[in-house]
Amino acid sequence: MPAKSAKHKASSKKRVAKTSRAGTKPAASQPILPASYGVRTTSKSLLDWEWARDRLIQSQNYVIVTVYPDGRPHAMGMHGLWWEDVFYFGTGNTTRKARNLARNPRCILINERLEELVIVEGTAETVSFADLPEGLSQQSQKKYGWPMHESQDSVIYKVRPTKVFGIPLKQFGKAFTRWKFD
């Protein structure tokens, strides 16, 4: 992957600052892993929350994992927006993920870059179009070429994270980080 220009890095930071919740950062810690994994994370080597947030904002594609009524996992690729530390996406009312979330709102969200993996555990809830954050629909237009819109055949969800894991493949043995949200 080509190196990012200084201008691109600056615009990424500007986007991150614009979308962050005022003064709110989740608590970072080392995940509990078997000693055989060789992970030697210290508080000094933990990733900063900005690392995970940037990868969630920059992803074009995500995978969401929901649960069938019988307990089996269901994974599906999709688009969405990480905005103010919440993930927003729309889907049809009758899709498997919508039906699963109606029964069990707990889900997992995964970014597209497995070498800089971010896994979000969270809870999904429906949100009306009128209650979307200002600028979110325009960001969808910019990112994907279409705005978020209201439809009687679809539903909009927001996924509030409860726990997030950052797993940078090249730094796995020292920077594996878990963030917990209140």
N, C-alpha and C. Protein backbone atom coordinates (compact mmCIF):
# COMPACT_ATOMS: atom_id res chain seq x y z
N MET A 1 0.84 -1.16 0.00
CA MET A 1 0.00 0.00 0.00
C MET A 1 0.88 1.23 0.00
N PRO A 2 0.62 2.24 -0.87
CA PRO A 2 1.47 3.41 -0.92
C PRO A 2 1.38 4.22 0.37
N ALA A 3 2.50 4.91 0.69
CA ALA A 3 2.52 5.74 1.88
C ALA A 3 1.56 6.91 1.70
N LYS A 4 0.95 7.33 2.80
CA LYS A 4 0.03 8.45 2.74
C LYS A 4 0.82 9.75 2.71
N SER A 5 0.35 10.69 1.92
CA SER A 5 0.99 11.99 1.87
C SER A 5 0.72 12.74 3.16
N ALA A 6 1.53 13.78 3.43
CA ALA A 6 1.34 14.60 4.63
C ALA A 6 -0.03 15.27 4.60
N LYS A 7 -0.47 15.69 3.40
CA LYS A 7 -1.78 16.32 3.26
C LYS A 7 -2.89 15.34 3.64
N HIS A 8 -2.79 14.07 3.17
CA HIS A 8 -3.79 13.05 3.49
C HIS A 8 -3.81 12.76 4.98
N LYS A 9 -2.60 12.67 5.60
CA LYS A 9 -2.53 12.42 7.04
C LYS A 9 -3.19 13.55 7.81
N ALA A 10 -2.95 14.79 7.40
CA ALA A 10 -3.55 15.94 8.07
C ALA A 10 -5.06 15.92 7.93
N SER A 11 -5.57 15.59 6.73
CA SER A 11 -7.01 15.56 6.55
C SER A 11 -7.64 14.43 7.35
N SER A 12 -6.92 13.30 7.52
CA SER A 12 -7.43 12.21 8.35
C SER A 12 -7.57 12.65 9.79
N LYS A 13 -6.54 13.38 10.29
CA LYS A 13 -6.59 13.85 11.66
C LYS A 13 -7.71 14.86 11.84
N LYS A 14 -7.93 15.69 10.84
CA LYS A 14 -9.00 16.67 10.91
C LYS A 14 -10.35 15.95 10.99
N ARG A 15 -10.53 14.90 10.20
CA ARG A 15 -11.77 14.13 10.23
C ARG A 15 -11.95 13.46 11.59
N VAL A 16 -10.87 12.94 12.13
CA VAL A 16 -10.95 12.28 13.43
C VAL A 16 -11.39 13.28 14.48
N ALA A 17 -10.76 14.44 14.50
CA ALA A 17 -11.11 15.44 15.50
C ALA A 17 -12.56 15.87 15.33
N LYS A 18 -13.00 16.03 14.11
CA LYS A 18 -14.36 16.48 13.84
C LYS A 18 -15.40 15.46 14.31
N THR A 19 -15.06 14.17 14.27
CA THR A 19 -16.05 13.15 14.58
C THR A 19 -15.94 12.60 16.00
N SER A 20 -15.00 13.10 16.79
CA SER A 20 -14.85 12.53 18.13
C SER A 20 -15.86 13.14 19.11
N ARG A 21 -16.21 12.34 20.12
CA ARG A 21 -17.05 12.86 21.19
C ARG A 21 -16.18 13.76 22.06
N ALA A 22 -16.70 14.86 22.45
CA ALA A 22 -15.94 15.84 23.24
C ALA A 22 -15.40 15.21 24.51
N GLY A 23 -14.07 15.09 24.59
CA GLY A 23 -13.41 14.65 25.80
C GLY A 23 -13.63 13.21 26.22
N THR A 24 -14.26 12.38 25.42
CA THR A 24 -14.55 11.01 25.82
C THR A 24 -13.56 10.06 25.16
N LYS A 25 -12.87 9.29 25.98
CA LYS A 25 -11.98 8.25 25.46
C LYS A 25 -12.25 6.99 26.25
N PRO A 26 -12.34 5.86 25.57
CA PRO A 26 -12.52 4.60 26.30
C PRO A 26 -11.24 4.23 27.04
N ALA A 27 -11.39 3.41 28.06
CA ALA A 27 -10.25 2.96 28.86
C ALA A 27 -9.50 1.85 28.11
N ALA A 28 -8.19 2.03 27.95
CA ALA A 28 -7.35 1.05 27.26
C ALA A 28 -6.72 0.10 28.27
N SER A 29 -6.59 -1.17 27.87
CA SER A 29 -5.93 -2.17 28.71
C SER A 29 -5.42 -3.29 27.82
N GLN A 30 -4.65 -4.16 28.44
CA GLN A 30 -4.16 -5.35 27.75
C GLN A 30 -5.20 -6.45 27.84
N PRO A 31 -5.54 -7.07 26.69
CA PRO A 31 -6.47 -8.21 26.75
C PRO A 31 -5.84 -9.37 27.50
N ILE A 32 -6.66 -10.22 28.04
CA ILE A 32 -6.17 -11.41 28.73
C ILE A 32 -5.90 -12.47 27.67
N LEU A 33 -4.63 -12.85 27.54
CA LEU A 33 -4.21 -13.83 26.54
C LEU A 33 -3.31 -14.87 27.19
N PRO A 34 -3.30 -16.07 26.66
CA PRO A 34 -2.38 -17.10 27.18
C PRO A 34 -0.92 -16.65 27.01
N ALA A 35 -0.09 -17.00 27.96
CA ALA A 35 1.34 -16.64 27.90
C ALA A 35 1.99 -17.18 26.64
N SER A 36 1.49 -18.29 26.12
CA SER A 36 2.08 -18.89 24.92
C SER A 36 1.93 -18.00 23.68
N TYR A 37 1.05 -17.01 23.72
CA TYR A 37 0.90 -16.09 22.58
C TYR A 37 2.10 -15.16 22.46
N GLY A 38 2.86 -14.99 23.53
CA GLY A 38 4.03 -14.13 23.48
C GLY A 38 3.71 -12.64 23.48
N VAL A 39 2.54 -12.26 23.91
CA VAL A 39 2.16 -10.85 23.95
C VAL A 39 2.73 -10.23 25.21
N ARG A 40 3.53 -9.18 25.03
CA ARG A 40 4.16 -8.51 26.14
C ARG A 40 3.73 -7.04 26.18
N THR A 41 2.47 -6.81 26.21
CA THR A 41 1.96 -5.45 26.21
C THR A 41 2.15 -4.82 27.58
N THR A 42 2.59 -3.59 27.59
CA THR A 42 2.64 -2.78 28.81
C THR A 42 1.77 -1.56 28.55
N SER A 43 1.50 -0.82 29.61
CA SER A 43 0.66 0.36 29.41
C SER A 43 1.31 1.34 28.44
N LYS A 44 2.63 1.33 28.34
CA LYS A 44 3.34 2.23 27.41
C LYS A 44 3.22 1.76 25.97
N SER A 45 2.98 0.47 25.74
CA SER A 45 2.90 -0.02 24.36
C SER A 45 1.47 -0.16 23.86
N LEU A 46 0.49 0.15 24.69
CA LEU A 46 -0.90 0.08 24.25
C LEU A 46 -1.15 1.11 23.15
N LEU A 47 -2.01 0.75 22.22
CA LEU A 47 -2.36 1.67 21.14
C LEU A 47 -3.24 2.79 21.68
N ASP A 48 -3.12 3.95 21.07
CA ASP A 48 -3.99 5.07 21.41
C ASP A 48 -5.34 4.85 20.74
N TRP A 49 -6.41 5.31 21.34
CA TRP A 49 -7.75 5.16 20.77
C TRP A 49 -7.83 5.73 19.36
N GLU A 50 -7.06 6.76 19.06
CA GLU A 50 -7.07 7.37 17.72
C GLU A 50 -6.68 6.34 16.65
N TRP A 51 -5.83 5.39 17.01
CA TRP A 51 -5.41 4.34 16.06
C TRP A 51 -6.64 3.56 15.60
N ALA A 52 -7.45 3.10 16.53
CA ALA A 52 -8.64 2.32 16.18
C ALA A 52 -9.68 3.20 15.48
N ARG A 53 -9.92 4.38 16.01
CA ARG A 53 -10.92 5.28 15.45
C ARG A 53 -10.60 5.59 13.98
N ASP A 54 -9.35 5.88 13.69
CA ASP A 54 -8.96 6.20 12.32
C ASP A 54 -9.25 5.04 11.37
N ARG A 55 -8.95 3.83 11.79
CA ARG A 55 -9.20 2.67 10.93
C ARG A 55 -10.69 2.41 10.75
N LEU A 56 -11.48 2.67 11.76
CA LEU A 56 -12.93 2.51 11.63
C LEU A 56 -13.53 3.58 10.71
N ILE A 57 -13.02 4.79 10.80
CA ILE A 57 -13.50 5.87 9.92
C ILE A 57 -13.10 5.59 8.48
N GLN A 58 -11.87 5.17 8.27
CA GLN A 58 -11.32 5.01 6.91
C GLN A 58 -11.85 3.78 6.18
N SER A 59 -12.34 2.78 6.88
CA SER A 59 -12.84 1.57 6.20
C SER A 59 -13.97 1.91 5.25
N GLN A 60 -13.94 1.30 4.09
CA GLN A 60 -15.04 1.42 3.14
C GLN A 60 -16.04 0.28 3.37
N ASN A 61 -15.51 -0.86 3.74
CA ASN A 61 -16.32 -2.07 3.91
C ASN A 61 -16.12 -2.60 5.32
N TYR A 62 -17.18 -3.20 5.83
CA TYR A 62 -17.17 -3.75 7.17
C TYR A 62 -17.85 -5.12 7.12
N VAL A 63 -17.60 -5.91 8.15
CA VAL A 63 -18.34 -7.15 8.34
C VAL A 63 -19.08 -7.01 9.65
N ILE A 64 -20.37 -7.35 9.64
CA ILE A 64 -21.15 -7.37 10.87
C ILE A 64 -21.51 -8.82 11.16
N VAL A 65 -21.38 -9.18 12.42
CA VAL A 65 -21.74 -10.53 12.87
C VAL A 65 -22.92 -10.39 13.83
N THR A 66 -24.01 -11.07 13.49
CA THR A 66 -25.20 -11.11 14.33
C THR A 66 -25.47 -12.57 14.68
N VAL A 67 -26.56 -12.81 15.41
CA VAL A 67 -26.85 -14.17 15.87
C VAL A 67 -28.24 -14.60 15.41
N TYR A 68 -28.30 -15.75 14.74
CA TYR A 68 -29.58 -16.36 14.37
C TYR A 68 -30.37 -16.69 15.64
N PRO A 69 -31.68 -16.85 15.54
CA PRO A 69 -32.48 -17.24 16.71
C PRO A 69 -32.01 -18.53 17.37
N ASP A 70 -31.42 -19.45 16.59
CA ASP A 70 -30.96 -20.72 17.17
C ASP A 70 -29.53 -20.65 17.71
N GLY A 71 -28.94 -19.44 17.71
CA GLY A 71 -27.61 -19.25 18.29
C GLY A 71 -26.45 -19.31 17.31
N ARG A 72 -26.71 -19.69 16.06
CA ARG A 72 -25.63 -19.72 15.08
C ARG A 72 -25.21 -18.30 14.72
N PRO A 73 -23.92 -18.08 14.43
CA PRO A 73 -23.49 -16.75 14.00
C PRO A 73 -23.85 -16.50 12.54
N HIS A 74 -24.06 -15.24 12.21
CA HIS A 74 -24.34 -14.82 10.84
C HIS A 74 -23.42 -13.63 10.55
N ALA A 75 -22.61 -13.73 9.50
CA ALA A 75 -21.71 -12.64 9.12
C ALA A 75 -22.10 -12.12 7.75
N MET A 76 -22.03 -10.79 7.58
CA MET A 76 -22.38 -10.18 6.31
C MET A 76 -21.53 -8.92 6.10
N GLY A 77 -21.07 -8.74 4.86
CA GLY A 77 -20.36 -7.53 4.50
C GLY A 77 -21.35 -6.39 4.29
N MET A 78 -20.89 -5.17 4.55
CA MET A 78 -21.78 -4.02 4.39
C MET A 78 -21.00 -2.72 4.41
N HIS A 79 -21.71 -1.63 4.15
CA HIS A 79 -21.17 -0.27 4.26
C HIS A 79 -21.71 0.38 5.51
N GLY A 80 -21.06 1.41 5.97
CA GLY A 80 -21.54 2.15 7.13
C GLY A 80 -20.58 3.27 7.46
N LEU A 81 -20.91 4.00 8.50
CA LEU A 81 -20.12 5.16 8.91
C LEU A 81 -19.82 5.13 10.40
N TRP A 82 -18.53 5.28 10.73
CA TRP A 82 -18.13 5.45 12.12
C TRP A 82 -18.16 6.95 12.39
N TRP A 83 -19.01 7.37 13.31
CA TRP A 83 -19.26 8.80 13.53
C TRP A 83 -19.45 9.04 15.01
N GLU A 84 -18.61 9.90 15.59
CA GLU A 84 -18.68 10.21 17.02
C GLU A 84 -18.68 8.94 17.87
N ASP A 85 -17.81 8.03 17.51
CA ASP A 85 -17.59 6.76 18.21
C ASP A 85 -18.83 5.87 18.29
N VAL A 86 -19.65 5.95 17.25
CA VAL A 86 -20.81 5.08 17.06
C VAL A 86 -20.83 4.68 15.60
N PHE A 87 -21.25 3.46 15.28
CA PHE A 87 -21.34 2.99 13.91
C PHE A 87 -22.78 3.05 13.44
N TYR A 88 -23.01 3.67 12.26
CA TYR A 88 -24.34 3.79 11.67
C TYR A 88 -24.39 3.02 10.36
N PHE A 89 -25.49 2.31 10.13
CA PHE A 89 -25.70 1.65 8.86
C PHE A 89 -27.19 1.47 8.62
N GLY A 90 -27.54 1.32 7.37
CA GLY A 90 -28.92 1.04 7.01
C GLY A 90 -29.01 -0.32 6.34
N THR A 91 -30.18 -0.93 6.43
CA THR A 91 -30.40 -2.22 5.79
C THR A 91 -31.90 -2.41 5.59
N GLY A 92 -32.25 -3.33 4.74
CA GLY A 92 -33.66 -3.64 4.52
C GLY A 92 -34.30 -4.26 5.76
N ASN A 93 -35.57 -3.97 5.97
CA ASN A 93 -36.30 -4.52 7.12
C ASN A 93 -36.28 -6.04 7.19
N THR A 94 -36.26 -6.68 6.02
CA THR A 94 -36.37 -8.14 6.00
C THR A 94 -35.04 -8.87 5.83
N THR A 95 -33.92 -8.13 5.88
CA THR A 95 -32.62 -8.81 5.76
C THR A 95 -32.39 -9.67 6.99
N ARG A 96 -31.54 -10.65 6.85
CA ARG A 96 -31.22 -11.54 7.96
C ARG A 96 -30.63 -10.74 9.12
N LYS A 97 -29.73 -9.78 8.85
CA LYS A 97 -29.14 -9.04 9.95
C LYS A 97 -30.18 -8.22 10.70
N ALA A 98 -31.15 -7.62 10.00
CA ALA A 98 -32.21 -6.85 10.66
C ALA A 98 -33.08 -7.77 11.52
N ARG A 99 -33.43 -8.93 10.99
CA ARG A 99 -34.25 -9.86 11.77
C ARG A 99 -33.49 -10.38 12.99
N ASN A 100 -32.19 -10.65 12.80
CA ASN A 100 -31.37 -11.10 13.94
C ASN A 100 -31.27 -10.01 15.00
N LEU A 101 -31.00 -8.77 14.58
CA LEU A 101 -30.84 -7.67 15.53
C LEU A 101 -32.15 -7.35 16.26
N ALA A 102 -33.28 -7.59 15.62
CA ALA A 102 -34.57 -7.37 16.28
C ALA A 102 -34.74 -8.32 17.48
N ARG A 103 -34.16 -9.52 17.38
CA ARG A 103 -34.26 -10.51 18.46
C ARG A 103 -33.13 -10.37 19.47
N ASN A 104 -31.94 -10.04 18.98
CA ASN A 104 -30.76 -9.94 19.84
C ASN A 104 -29.91 -8.80 19.30
N PRO A 105 -29.88 -7.65 19.96
CA PRO A 105 -29.17 -6.48 19.44
C PRO A 105 -27.65 -6.53 19.58
N ARG A 106 -27.13 -7.56 20.26
CA ARG A 106 -25.67 -7.65 20.39
C ARG A 106 -25.06 -8.09 19.07
N CYS A 107 -23.95 -7.45 18.71
CA CYS A 107 -23.32 -7.76 17.43
C CYS A 107 -21.83 -7.44 17.50
N ILE A 108 -21.14 -7.83 16.45
CA ILE A 108 -19.71 -7.55 16.30
C ILE A 108 -19.52 -6.90 14.95
N LEU A 109 -18.67 -5.89 14.91
CA LEU A 109 -18.33 -5.17 13.69
C LEU A 109 -16.83 -5.30 13.47
N ILE A 110 -16.42 -5.57 12.23
CA ILE A 110 -15.01 -5.74 11.91
C ILE A 110 -14.67 -4.85 10.73
N ASN A 111 -13.54 -4.14 10.83
CA ASN A 111 -13.09 -3.30 9.72
C ASN A 111 -12.51 -4.16 8.60
N GLU A 112 -12.21 -3.53 7.47
CA GLU A 112 -11.80 -4.28 6.29
C GLU A 112 -10.33 -4.67 6.24
N ARG A 113 -9.48 -4.02 6.99
CA ARG A 113 -8.04 -4.27 6.89
C ARG A 113 -7.58 -5.23 7.98
N LEU A 114 -7.46 -6.49 7.61
CA LEU A 114 -7.14 -7.50 8.61
C LEU A 114 -5.73 -7.35 9.18
N GLU A 115 -4.82 -6.70 8.45
CA GLU A 115 -3.48 -6.49 8.98
C GLU A 115 -3.47 -5.37 10.04
N GLU A 116 -4.54 -4.59 10.12
CA GLU A 116 -4.74 -3.59 11.16
C GLU A 116 -6.17 -3.75 11.67
N LEU A 117 -6.39 -4.90 12.26
CA LEU A 117 -7.72 -5.35 12.63
C LEU A 117 -8.30 -4.56 13.80
N VAL A 118 -9.55 -4.15 13.63
CA VAL A 118 -10.32 -3.54 14.72
C VAL A 118 -11.63 -4.32 14.82
N ILE A 119 -11.89 -4.85 16.00
CA ILE A 119 -13.10 -5.63 16.26
C ILE A 119 -13.91 -4.88 17.31
N VAL A 120 -15.15 -4.56 16.97
CA VAL A 120 -16.03 -3.80 17.85
C VAL A 120 -17.13 -4.73 18.36
N GLU A 121 -17.23 -4.89 19.67
CA GLU A 121 -18.38 -5.56 20.26
C GLU A 121 -19.34 -4.47 20.69
N GLY A 122 -20.62 -4.63 20.32
CA GLY A 122 -21.55 -3.57 20.68
C GLY A 122 -22.99 -4.01 20.65
N THR A 123 -23.85 -3.02 20.83
CA THR A 123 -25.28 -3.23 20.84
C THR A 123 -25.91 -2.30 19.81
N ALA A 124 -26.75 -2.87 18.96
CA ALA A 124 -27.41 -2.11 17.90
C ALA A 124 -28.79 -1.66 18.37
N GLU A 125 -29.15 -0.47 17.96
CA GLU A 125 -30.51 0.01 18.19
C GLU A 125 -30.94 0.79 16.97
N THR A 126 -32.24 0.77 16.71
CA THR A 126 -32.76 1.51 15.56
C THR A 126 -32.76 2.99 15.89
N VAL A 127 -32.61 3.79 14.85
CA VAL A 127 -32.62 5.24 14.98
C VAL A 127 -33.43 5.80 13.82
N SER A 128 -34.22 6.80 14.08
CA SER A 128 -34.99 7.41 13.00
C SER A 128 -34.10 8.32 12.17
N PHE A 129 -34.48 8.53 10.94
CA PHE A 129 -33.73 9.40 10.05
C PHE A 129 -33.60 10.80 10.67
N ALA A 130 -34.66 11.27 11.28
CA ALA A 130 -34.66 12.61 11.90
C ALA A 130 -33.68 12.71 13.06
N ASP A 131 -33.34 11.59 13.69
CA ASP A 131 -32.43 11.60 14.83
C ASP A 131 -30.97 11.33 14.47
N LEU A 132 -30.67 11.22 13.17
CA LEU A 132 -29.28 11.03 12.77
C LEU A 132 -28.48 12.29 13.08
N PRO A 133 -27.21 12.14 13.42
CA PRO A 133 -26.37 13.32 13.66
C PRO A 133 -26.29 14.20 12.41
N GLU A 134 -26.22 15.48 12.64
CA GLU A 134 -26.09 16.42 11.53
C GLU A 134 -24.81 16.13 10.76
N GLY A 135 -24.90 16.07 9.45
CA GLY A 135 -23.75 15.82 8.60
C GLY A 135 -23.53 14.36 8.24
N LEU A 136 -24.22 13.44 8.90
CA LEU A 136 -23.99 12.02 8.64
C LEU A 136 -24.41 11.63 7.22
N SER A 137 -25.56 12.07 6.79
CA SER A 137 -26.03 11.73 5.44
C SER A 137 -25.09 12.29 4.38
N GLN A 138 -24.59 13.51 4.60
CA GLN A 138 -23.65 14.11 3.65
C GLN A 138 -22.33 13.32 3.63
N GLN A 139 -21.92 12.81 4.79
CA GLN A 139 -20.71 12.00 4.84
C GLN A 139 -20.89 10.70 4.06
N SER A 140 -22.09 10.12 4.11
CA SER A 140 -22.39 8.93 3.32
C SER A 140 -22.31 9.25 1.83
N GLN A 141 -22.84 10.39 1.44
CA GLN A 141 -22.77 10.83 0.04
C GLN A 141 -21.32 10.95 -0.41
N LYS A 142 -20.51 11.54 0.44
CA LYS A 142 -19.09 11.74 0.13
C LYS A 142 -18.33 10.40 0.06
N LYS A 143 -18.61 9.53 1.01
CA LYS A 143 -17.87 8.27 1.11
C LYS A 143 -18.31 7.24 0.08
N TYR A 144 -19.64 7.11 -0.14
CA TYR A 144 -20.15 6.04 -0.98
C TYR A 144 -20.85 6.50 -2.25
N GLY A 145 -21.19 7.78 -2.33
CA GLY A 145 -21.89 8.27 -3.51
C GLY A 145 -23.39 8.32 -3.35
N TRP A 146 -23.90 8.02 -2.16
CA TRP A 146 -25.33 8.13 -1.90
C TRP A 146 -25.54 8.59 -0.45
N PRO A 147 -26.57 9.40 -0.24
CA PRO A 147 -26.86 9.84 1.13
C PRO A 147 -27.64 8.77 1.88
N MET A 148 -27.63 8.86 3.19
CA MET A 148 -28.53 8.02 3.99
C MET A 148 -29.92 8.58 3.76
N HIS A 149 -30.89 7.71 3.63
CA HIS A 149 -32.24 8.19 3.37
C HIS A 149 -33.27 7.35 4.11
N GLU A 150 -34.43 7.91 4.24
CA GLU A 150 -35.53 7.25 4.92
C GLU A 150 -36.31 6.42 3.90
N SER A 151 -36.75 5.25 4.33
CA SER A 151 -37.55 4.38 3.47
C SER A 151 -38.41 3.48 4.34
N GLN A 152 -39.61 3.19 3.89
CA GLN A 152 -40.46 2.30 4.68
C GLN A 152 -39.99 0.86 4.62
N ASP A 153 -39.13 0.53 3.65
CA ASP A 153 -38.62 -0.84 3.51
C ASP A 153 -37.29 -1.06 4.22
N SER A 154 -36.77 -0.03 4.90
CA SER A 154 -35.45 -0.18 5.51
C SER A 154 -35.45 0.38 6.93
N VAL A 155 -34.36 0.12 7.60
CA VAL A 155 -34.17 0.56 8.98
C VAL A 155 -32.73 1.06 9.11
N ILE A 156 -32.53 2.07 9.95
CA ILE A 156 -31.19 2.58 10.23
C ILE A 156 -30.84 2.18 11.65
N TYR A 157 -29.62 1.66 11.81
CA TYR A 157 -29.13 1.24 13.11
C TYR A 157 -27.94 2.08 13.51
N LYS A 158 -27.78 2.21 14.83
CA LYS A 158 -26.51 2.70 15.36
C LYS A 158 -26.02 1.63 16.32
N VAL A 159 -24.74 1.35 16.22
CA VAL A 159 -24.11 0.35 17.08
C VAL A 159 -23.21 1.08 18.05
N ARG A 160 -23.57 1.01 19.32
CA ARG A 160 -22.75 1.61 20.37
C ARG A 160 -21.75 0.56 20.85
N PRO A 161 -20.47 0.90 20.80
CA PRO A 161 -19.47 -0.08 21.24
C PRO A 161 -19.49 -0.27 22.76
N THR A 162 -19.23 -1.50 23.17
CA THR A 162 -19.01 -1.78 24.58
C THR A 162 -17.54 -2.14 24.81
N LYS A 163 -16.96 -2.81 23.82
CA LYS A 163 -15.56 -3.22 23.89
C LYS A 163 -15.00 -3.22 22.47
N VAL A 164 -13.75 -2.78 22.32
CA VAL A 164 -13.09 -2.74 21.01
C VAL A 164 -11.70 -3.33 21.18
N PHE A 165 -11.29 -4.15 20.20
CA PHE A 165 -9.94 -4.72 20.19
C PHE A 165 -9.19 -4.17 19.00
N GLY A 166 -7.95 -3.75 19.22
CA GLY A 166 -7.05 -3.32 18.16
C GLY A 166 -5.93 -4.32 18.05
N ILE A 167 -5.78 -4.90 16.85
CA ILE A 167 -4.79 -5.96 16.67
C ILE A 167 -3.94 -5.65 15.44
N PRO A 168 -2.85 -4.89 15.63
CA PRO A 168 -1.96 -4.62 14.50
C PRO A 168 -1.05 -5.83 14.26
N LEU A 169 -1.18 -6.46 13.12
CA LEU A 169 -0.46 -7.70 12.85
C LEU A 169 1.05 -7.55 13.05
N LYS A 170 1.64 -6.46 12.56
CA LYS A 170 3.09 -6.29 12.66
C LYS A 170 3.55 -5.99 14.09
N GLN A 171 2.64 -5.61 14.97
CA GLN A 171 3.00 -5.32 16.36
C GLN A 171 2.22 -6.22 17.31
N PHE A 172 1.77 -7.37 16.83
CA PHE A 172 0.90 -8.23 17.62
C PHE A 172 1.48 -8.54 18.98
N GLY A 173 2.74 -8.86 19.04
CA GLY A 173 3.36 -9.27 20.31
C GLY A 173 3.52 -8.16 21.32
N LYS A 174 3.28 -6.90 20.94
CA LYS A 174 3.47 -5.84 21.92
C LYS A 174 2.38 -4.78 21.97
N ALA A 175 1.51 -4.69 20.98
CA ALA A 175 0.56 -3.59 20.97
C ALA A 175 -0.92 -4.01 20.95
N PHE A 176 -1.22 -5.27 21.14
CA PHE A 176 -2.60 -5.75 21.16
C PHE A 176 -3.33 -4.98 22.28
N THR A 177 -4.42 -4.28 21.93
CA THR A 177 -5.08 -3.39 22.90
C THR A 177 -6.58 -3.65 22.95
N ARG A 178 -7.14 -3.50 24.15
CA ARG A 178 -8.59 -3.59 24.35
C ARG A 178 -9.04 -2.26 24.95
N TRP A 179 -10.13 -1.71 24.41
CA TRP A 179 -10.73 -0.50 24.96
C TRP A 179 -12.11 -0.86 25.47
N LYS A 180 -12.46 -0.37 26.67
CA LYS A 180 -13.80 -0.58 27.22
C LYS A 180 -14.52 0.76 27.31
N PHE A 181 -15.78 0.74 26.89
CA PHE A 181 -16.63 1.92 26.95
C PHE A 181 -17.54 1.81 28.16
N ASP A 182 -17.93 2.95 28.70
CA ASP A 182 -18.88 2.97 29.83
C ASP A 182 -20.26 2.60 29.38
